[in-house]
Amino acid sequence: MDAFDADALIDAAVADHRLGRRVRALFTPDPPSAAGSERRLRLVRGRADRFITNNATDFPKAIAEIQITYPSDLPEP
């Protein structure tokens, strides 16, 4: 299951946002979990396999507890 930070979800809501299209393509009929802070990330890590964020400063890929994915890493839909 994926978890999203708020900015990644905001980008997905913009119809022609270059990276938002990639995030939007991940949505299924089941709504995804959303997380917007490191504290919140700790709460979802037991359920989510991947955290999608455009905040590379606060969420480096070196975080071992969950796979950090940036929208630019996602395939073009």
N, C-alpha and C. Protein backbone atom coordinates (compact mmCIF):
# COMPACT_ATOMS: atom_id res chain seq x y z
N MET A 1 0.85 -1.17 0.00
CA MET A 1 0.00 0.00 0.00
C MET A 1 0.89 1.24 0.00
N ASP A 2 0.42 2.26 -0.68
CA ASP A 2 1.15 3.52 -0.77
C ASP A 2 0.61 4.53 0.24
N ALA A 3 1.49 5.36 0.73
CA ALA A 3 1.13 6.51 1.55
C ALA A 3 1.65 7.73 0.81
N PHE A 4 0.96 8.84 0.93
CA PHE A 4 1.31 10.05 0.18
C PHE A 4 1.49 11.22 1.13
N ASP A 5 2.43 12.11 0.80
CA ASP A 5 2.49 13.35 1.56
C ASP A 5 1.53 14.33 0.90
N ALA A 6 1.15 15.36 1.62
CA ALA A 6 0.12 16.29 1.16
C ALA A 6 0.50 16.96 -0.16
N ASP A 7 1.75 17.35 -0.33
CA ASP A 7 2.15 18.03 -1.56
C ASP A 7 2.02 17.12 -2.78
N ALA A 8 2.34 15.84 -2.63
CA ALA A 8 2.19 14.91 -3.74
C ALA A 8 0.72 14.78 -4.13
N LEU A 9 -0.17 14.79 -3.15
CA LEU A 9 -1.60 14.72 -3.45
C LEU A 9 -2.10 16.00 -4.10
N ILE A 10 -1.59 17.14 -3.65
CA ILE A 10 -1.98 18.42 -4.25
C ILE A 10 -1.55 18.44 -5.71
N ASP A 11 -0.32 18.01 -5.99
CA ASP A 11 0.15 17.95 -7.38
C ASP A 11 -0.73 17.04 -8.22
N ALA A 12 -1.18 15.93 -7.65
CA ALA A 12 -2.03 14.98 -8.39
C ALA A 12 -3.38 15.60 -8.74
N ALA A 13 -3.82 16.56 -7.96
CA ALA A 13 -5.11 17.20 -8.21
C ALA A 13 -5.05 18.21 -9.35
N VAL A 14 -3.85 18.63 -9.74
CA VAL A 14 -3.69 19.59 -10.83
C VAL A 14 -3.67 18.82 -12.14
N ALA A 15 -4.65 19.07 -12.98
CA ALA A 15 -4.87 18.25 -14.18
C ALA A 15 -3.64 18.07 -15.06
N ASP A 16 -2.88 19.11 -15.30
CA ASP A 16 -1.76 18.98 -16.23
C ASP A 16 -0.39 19.10 -15.55
N HIS A 17 -0.34 18.84 -14.25
CA HIS A 17 0.94 18.88 -13.53
C HIS A 17 1.79 17.70 -13.97
N ARG A 18 3.02 17.96 -14.40
CA ARG A 18 3.90 16.93 -14.97
C ARG A 18 4.10 15.76 -14.02
N LEU A 19 4.42 16.02 -12.77
CA LEU A 19 4.63 14.94 -11.81
C LEU A 19 3.32 14.46 -11.20
N GLY A 20 2.33 15.35 -11.14
CA GLY A 20 1.03 14.98 -10.60
C GLY A 20 0.36 13.87 -11.39
N ARG A 21 0.56 13.87 -12.71
CA ARG A 21 -0.02 12.80 -13.54
C ARG A 21 0.51 11.44 -13.11
N ARG A 22 1.78 11.38 -12.74
CA ARG A 22 2.38 10.12 -12.32
C ARG A 22 1.77 9.64 -11.00
N VAL A 23 1.56 10.55 -10.08
CA VAL A 23 0.95 10.21 -8.79
C VAL A 23 -0.51 9.81 -9.01
N ARG A 24 -1.22 10.58 -9.81
CA ARG A 24 -2.64 10.31 -10.06
C ARG A 24 -2.84 8.92 -10.66
N ALA A 25 -1.90 8.45 -11.46
CA ALA A 25 -2.02 7.13 -12.09
C ALA A 25 -1.99 5.99 -11.06
N LEU A 26 -1.53 6.25 -9.85
CA LEU A 26 -1.47 5.22 -8.81
C LEU A 26 -2.81 4.99 -8.12
N PHE A 27 -3.74 5.92 -8.28
CA PHE A 27 -5.00 5.81 -7.57
C PHE A 27 -5.84 4.68 -8.11
N THR A 28 -6.47 3.97 -7.20
CA THR A 28 -7.38 2.88 -7.52
C THR A 28 -8.72 3.23 -6.90
N PRO A 29 -9.74 2.40 -7.07
CA PRO A 29 -11.02 2.71 -6.40
C PRO A 29 -10.91 2.79 -4.88
N ASP A 30 -9.89 2.13 -4.29
CA ASP A 30 -9.67 2.22 -2.86
C ASP A 30 -8.84 3.45 -2.56
N PRO A 31 -9.29 4.37 -1.72
CA PRO A 31 -8.52 5.59 -1.46
C PRO A 31 -7.20 5.28 -0.76
N PRO A 32 -6.12 5.98 -1.14
CA PRO A 32 -4.82 5.73 -0.51
C PRO A 32 -4.72 6.38 0.86
N SER A 33 -3.76 5.94 1.65
CA SER A 33 -3.46 6.60 2.92
C SER A 33 -2.69 7.86 2.62
N ALA A 34 -2.81 8.87 3.46
CA ALA A 34 -2.07 10.10 3.28
C ALA A 34 -1.29 10.39 4.54
N ALA A 35 -0.08 10.87 4.37
CA ALA A 35 0.74 11.26 5.51
C ALA A 35 1.47 12.53 5.13
N GLY A 36 1.59 13.45 6.05
CA GLY A 36 2.19 14.73 5.71
C GLY A 36 3.36 15.15 6.57
N SER A 37 3.84 14.30 7.45
CA SER A 37 4.96 14.69 8.29
C SER A 37 5.71 13.45 8.72
N GLU A 38 6.92 13.65 9.21
CA GLU A 38 7.72 12.51 9.66
C GLU A 38 7.01 11.78 10.81
N ARG A 39 6.39 12.53 11.72
CA ARG A 39 5.67 11.90 12.82
C ARG A 39 4.54 11.02 12.29
N ARG A 40 3.83 11.52 11.33
CA ARG A 40 2.74 10.77 10.73
C ARG A 40 3.28 9.56 9.96
N LEU A 41 4.45 9.73 9.34
CA LEU A 41 5.08 8.64 8.60
C LEU A 41 5.31 7.45 9.53
N ARG A 42 5.73 7.71 10.75
CA ARG A 42 5.95 6.62 11.70
C ARG A 42 4.65 5.87 11.97
N LEU A 43 3.53 6.57 11.92
CA LEU A 43 2.24 5.93 12.19
C LEU A 43 1.81 5.01 11.05
N VAL A 44 2.13 5.36 9.82
CA VAL A 44 1.66 4.57 8.68
C VAL A 44 2.67 3.53 8.24
N ARG A 45 3.88 3.57 8.71
CA ARG A 45 4.90 2.68 8.17
C ARG A 45 4.58 1.21 8.38
N GLY A 46 3.79 0.89 9.41
CA GLY A 46 3.41 -0.50 9.62
C GLY A 46 2.43 -1.01 8.58
N ARG A 47 1.74 -0.12 7.92
CA ARG A 47 0.75 -0.52 6.92
C ARG A 47 1.19 -0.23 5.50
N ALA A 48 1.96 0.80 5.29
CA ALA A 48 2.37 1.19 3.94
C ALA A 48 3.72 0.57 3.60
N ASP A 49 3.87 0.24 2.32
CA ASP A 49 5.15 -0.27 1.82
C ASP A 49 5.99 0.84 1.22
N ARG A 50 5.31 1.89 0.77
CA ARG A 50 5.99 2.95 0.04
C ARG A 50 5.38 4.29 0.42
N PHE A 51 6.26 5.30 0.57
CA PHE A 51 5.83 6.66 0.88
C PHE A 51 6.19 7.54 -0.30
N ILE A 52 5.19 8.15 -0.92
CA ILE A 52 5.41 8.99 -2.10
C ILE A 52 5.41 10.44 -1.66
N THR A 53 6.52 11.11 -1.91
CA THR A 53 6.71 12.49 -1.48
C THR A 53 7.58 13.24 -2.47
N ASN A 54 7.36 14.53 -2.59
CA ASN A 54 8.27 15.35 -3.39
C ASN A 54 9.21 16.14 -2.48
N ASN A 55 9.27 15.76 -1.22
CA ASN A 55 10.09 16.44 -0.22
C ASN A 55 11.37 15.63 0.04
N ALA A 56 12.33 15.76 -0.86
CA ALA A 56 13.59 15.01 -0.74
C ALA A 56 14.44 15.50 0.43
N THR A 57 14.25 16.73 0.85
CA THR A 57 15.04 17.27 1.95
C THR A 57 14.69 16.58 3.27
N ASP A 58 13.41 16.48 3.55
CA ASP A 58 12.97 15.88 4.82
C ASP A 58 12.81 14.37 4.76
N PHE A 59 12.68 13.81 3.56
CA PHE A 59 12.46 12.38 3.41
C PHE A 59 13.47 11.81 2.40
N PRO A 60 14.73 11.65 2.81
CA PRO A 60 15.73 11.07 1.90
C PRO A 60 15.47 9.58 1.70
N LYS A 61 15.96 9.05 0.60
CA LYS A 61 15.78 7.62 0.32
C LYS A 61 16.52 6.75 1.32
N ALA A 62 17.37 7.33 2.14
CA ALA A 62 18.12 6.58 3.15
C ALA A 62 17.24 6.09 4.30
N ILE A 63 16.01 6.57 4.41
CA ILE A 63 15.10 6.08 5.45
C ILE A 63 14.85 4.61 5.18
N ALA A 64 15.18 3.78 6.14
CA ALA A 64 15.13 2.33 5.93
C ALA A 64 13.78 1.70 6.24
N GLU A 65 12.96 2.35 7.04
CA GLU A 65 11.71 1.74 7.49
C GLU A 65 10.65 1.61 6.41
N ILE A 66 10.77 2.40 5.35
CA ILE A 66 9.77 2.41 4.28
C ILE A 66 10.46 2.86 3.00
N GLN A 67 9.96 2.39 1.86
CA GLN A 67 10.52 2.80 0.57
C GLN A 67 10.07 4.22 0.27
N ILE A 68 11.02 5.13 0.15
CA ILE A 68 10.72 6.51 -0.21
C ILE A 68 10.75 6.60 -1.72
N THR A 69 9.69 7.14 -2.29
CA THR A 69 9.60 7.29 -3.74
C THR A 69 9.21 8.72 -4.06
N TYR A 70 9.93 9.34 -4.98
CA TYR A 70 9.61 10.68 -5.44
C TYR A 70 8.78 10.57 -6.72
N PRO A 71 7.86 11.50 -6.96
CA PRO A 71 7.05 11.42 -8.17
C PRO A 71 7.87 11.28 -9.45
N SER A 72 9.04 11.88 -9.48
CA SER A 72 9.89 11.77 -10.67
C SER A 72 10.40 10.34 -10.89
N ASP A 73 10.34 9.50 -9.86
CA ASP A 73 10.74 8.09 -9.99
C ASP A 73 9.63 7.22 -10.58
N LEU A 74 8.41 7.72 -10.57
CA LEU A 74 7.27 6.94 -11.06
C LEU A 74 7.23 6.96 -12.58
N PRO A 75 6.72 5.89 -13.19
CA PRO A 75 6.63 5.88 -14.65
C PRO A 75 5.60 6.89 -15.16
N GLU A 76 5.83 7.38 -16.34
CA GLU A 76 4.88 8.27 -17.01
C GLU A 76 3.64 7.44 -17.35
N PRO A 77 2.43 7.94 -17.03
CA PRO A 77 1.22 7.14 -17.33
C PRO A 77 0.95 7.05 -18.82
